[in-house]
Each structure stands twice: as structure tokens, then as C-alpha cells.
C-alpha atoms as a PDB file:
ATOM      1  CA  MET A   1      93.876  17.661 159.641  1.00  0.00           C
ATOM      2  CA  LEU A   2      96.699  18.972 157.486  1.00  0.00           C
ATOM      3  CA  ILE A   3      94.973  17.930 154.255  1.00  0.00           C
ATOM      4  CA  LEU A   4      91.599  19.218 155.463  1.00  0.00           C
ATOM      5  CA  ASP A   5      93.188  22.588 156.274  1.00  0.00           C
ATOM      6  CA  ALA A   6      94.768  22.692 152.805  1.00  0.00           C
ATOM      7  CA  PHE A   7      91.376  21.933 151.253  1.00  0.00           C
ATOM      8  CA  ARG A   8      89.647  24.635 153.304  1.00  0.00           C
ATOM      9  CA  GLN A   9      92.273  27.184 152.260  1.00  0.00           C
ATOM     10  CA  ASN A  10      91.885  26.175 148.600  1.00  0.00           C
ATOM     11  CA  ASP A  11      95.523  25.052 148.609  1.00  0.00           C
ATOM     12  CA  LEU A  12      95.029  21.652 146.931  1.00  0.00           C
ATOM     13  CA  LYS A  13      96.451  21.767 143.433  1.00  0.00           C
ATOM     14  CA  HIS A  14      95.722  19.420 140.580  1.00  0.00           C
ATOM     15  CA  VAL A  15      98.972  18.416 138.923  1.00  0.00           C
ATOM     16  CA  CYS A  16      99.233  16.648 135.557  1.00  0.00           C
ATOM     17  CA  GLN A  17     102.436  15.227 134.169  1.00  0.00           C
ATOM     18  CA  ALA A  18     102.580  13.815 130.671  1.00  0.00           C
ATOM     19  CA  ILE A  19     104.191  10.369 130.359  1.00  0.00           C
ATOM     20  CA  ARG A  20     105.830  10.263 126.923  1.00  0.00           C
ATOM     21  CA  ASP A  21     107.458   7.729 124.624  1.00  0.00           C
ATOM     22  CA  VAL A  22     111.222   8.347 124.753  1.00  0.00           C
ATOM     23  CA  LYS A  23     111.669   8.054 120.972  1.00  0.00           C
ATOM     24  CA  THR A  24     108.594   9.767 119.551  1.00  0.00           C
ATOM     25  CA  GLU A  25     107.668  11.973 122.524  1.00  0.00           C
ATOM     26  CA  ASP A  26     104.026  10.967 121.985  1.00  0.00           C
ATOM     27  CA  VAL A  27     101.987  11.203 125.170  1.00  0.00           C
ATOM     28  CA  PHE A  28     100.907   7.767 126.404  1.00  0.00           C
ATOM     29  CA  TYR A  29      98.923   9.027 129.367  1.00  0.00           C
ATOM     30  CA  GLN A  30      98.963  11.718 131.997  1.00  0.00           C
ATOM     31  CA  HIS A  31      99.784  11.087 135.625  1.00  0.00           C
ATOM     32  CA  VAL A  32      97.330  13.099 137.708  1.00  0.00           C
ATOM     33  CA  THR A  33      97.725  13.795 141.413  1.00  0.00           C
ATOM     34  CA  LEU A  34      96.774  16.263 144.108  1.00  0.00           C
ATOM     35  CA  ARG A  35      99.442  18.357 145.799  1.00  0.00           C
ATOM     36  CA  PHE A  36      99.546  21.127 148.351  1.00  0.00           C
ATOM     37  CA  GLY A  37     102.064  23.503 149.882  1.00  0.00           C
ATOM     38  CA  SER A  38     103.521  26.840 148.908  1.00  0.00           C
ATOM     39  CA  ARG A  39     105.008  25.347 145.725  1.00  0.00           C
ATOM     40  CA  GLY A  40     102.777  22.270 145.458  1.00  0.00           C
ATOM     41  CA  GLU A  41     105.575  20.083 146.778  1.00  0.00           C
ATOM     42  CA  GLN A  42     103.539  17.822 149.107  1.00  0.00           C
ATOM     43  CA  SER A  43     101.564  14.886 147.721  1.00  0.00           C
ATOM     44  CA  VAL A  44      98.320  14.264 149.587  1.00  0.00           C
ATOM     45  CA  TYR A  45      98.844  10.524 149.111  1.00  0.00           C
ATOM     46  CA  ARG A  46     102.111  10.331 151.062  1.00  0.00           C
ATOM     47  CA  PHE A  47     100.177  10.355 154.333  1.00  0.00           C
ATOM     48  CA  GLU A  48      98.424   7.390 155.932  1.00  0.00           C
ATOM     49  CA  LEU A  49      94.822   8.148 155.035  1.00  0.00           C
ATOM     50  CA  SER A  50      91.655   6.208 155.690  1.00  0.00           C
ATOM     51  CA  GLU A  51      90.038   4.435 152.767  1.00  0.00           C
ATOM     52  CA  GLY A  52      87.171   6.939 152.872  1.00  0.00           C
ATOM     53  CA  MET A  53      89.553   9.905 152.737  1.00  0.00           C
ATOM     54  CA  ARG A  54      91.454   8.405 149.791  1.00  0.00           C
ATOM     55  CA  PHE A  55      88.154   7.807 148.013  1.00  0.00           C
ATOM     56  CA  ALA A  56      87.055  11.407 148.640  1.00  0.00           C
ATOM     57  CA  LEU A  57      90.373  12.757 147.330  1.00  0.00           C
ATOM     58  CA  ASP A  58      90.147  10.522 144.252  1.00  0.00           C
ATOM     59  CA  LEU A  59      86.643  11.838 143.547  1.00  0.00           C
ATOM     60  CA  TYR A  60      87.845  15.414 143.979  1.00  0.00           C
ATOM     61  CA  SER A  61      90.730  14.733 141.591  1.00  0.00           C
ATOM     62  CA  LEU A  62      88.317  13.228 139.048  1.00  0.00           C
ATOM     63  CA  TYR A  63      86.065  16.280 139.368  1.00  0.00           C
ATOM     64  CA  LEU A  64      89.015  18.620 138.733  1.00  0.00           C
ATOM     65  CA  THR A  65      90.139  16.509 135.757  1.00  0.00           C
ATOM     66  CA  LEU A  66      86.697  16.612 134.157  1.00  0.00           C
ATOM     67  CA  ARG A  67      86.383  20.339 134.801  1.00  0.00           C
ATOM     68  CA  GLN A  68      89.815  20.990 133.296  1.00  0.00           C
ATOM     69  CA  SER A  69      89.105  18.842 130.232  1.00  0.00           C
ATOM     70  CA  ARG A  70      86.125  21.043 129.347  1.00  0.00           C
ATOM     71  CA  PHE A  71      88.520  23.938 128.741  1.00  0.00           C
ATOM     72  CA  GLN A  72      91.038  22.052 126.595  1.00  0.00           C
END
């Protein structure tokens, strides 16, 4: 229920972190995850979630990624 409440309150945040080469600082890929909380400190994936819930969160994360990429 905690994650559902965060979703209903529009408190899920999409967080991207660039993973870089230590010598060249070139970005290899970006780690993308969903977080919630007052400062986005809680990962939604740290909880024991059903397979269906994980799938739904992954789809939501993909949707946010695609939406964000349109603006970059």
C-alpha cells in the first residue's frame, strides 16, 4: 500500500544516474530507477513486491524514460 499511496500522490520520482568510464568520463549507460519519499530516498524495489507489481512499475519507468527522452 505504501507504493500505491506514493503513486496516487504523484510522489514516485524517476531517477537517472549516469555510469561513466573512470578515465574518459564517457557515459556507458544510465541506471534508471523509481524512488519516492520527501527527498526521493526510498527505492520502490527494496520491498517484496509481486511479479505483477514489479512488471507494472517497470512499465511505468519505461513510460517515464520514453517521455523524458522526447525532451532531450
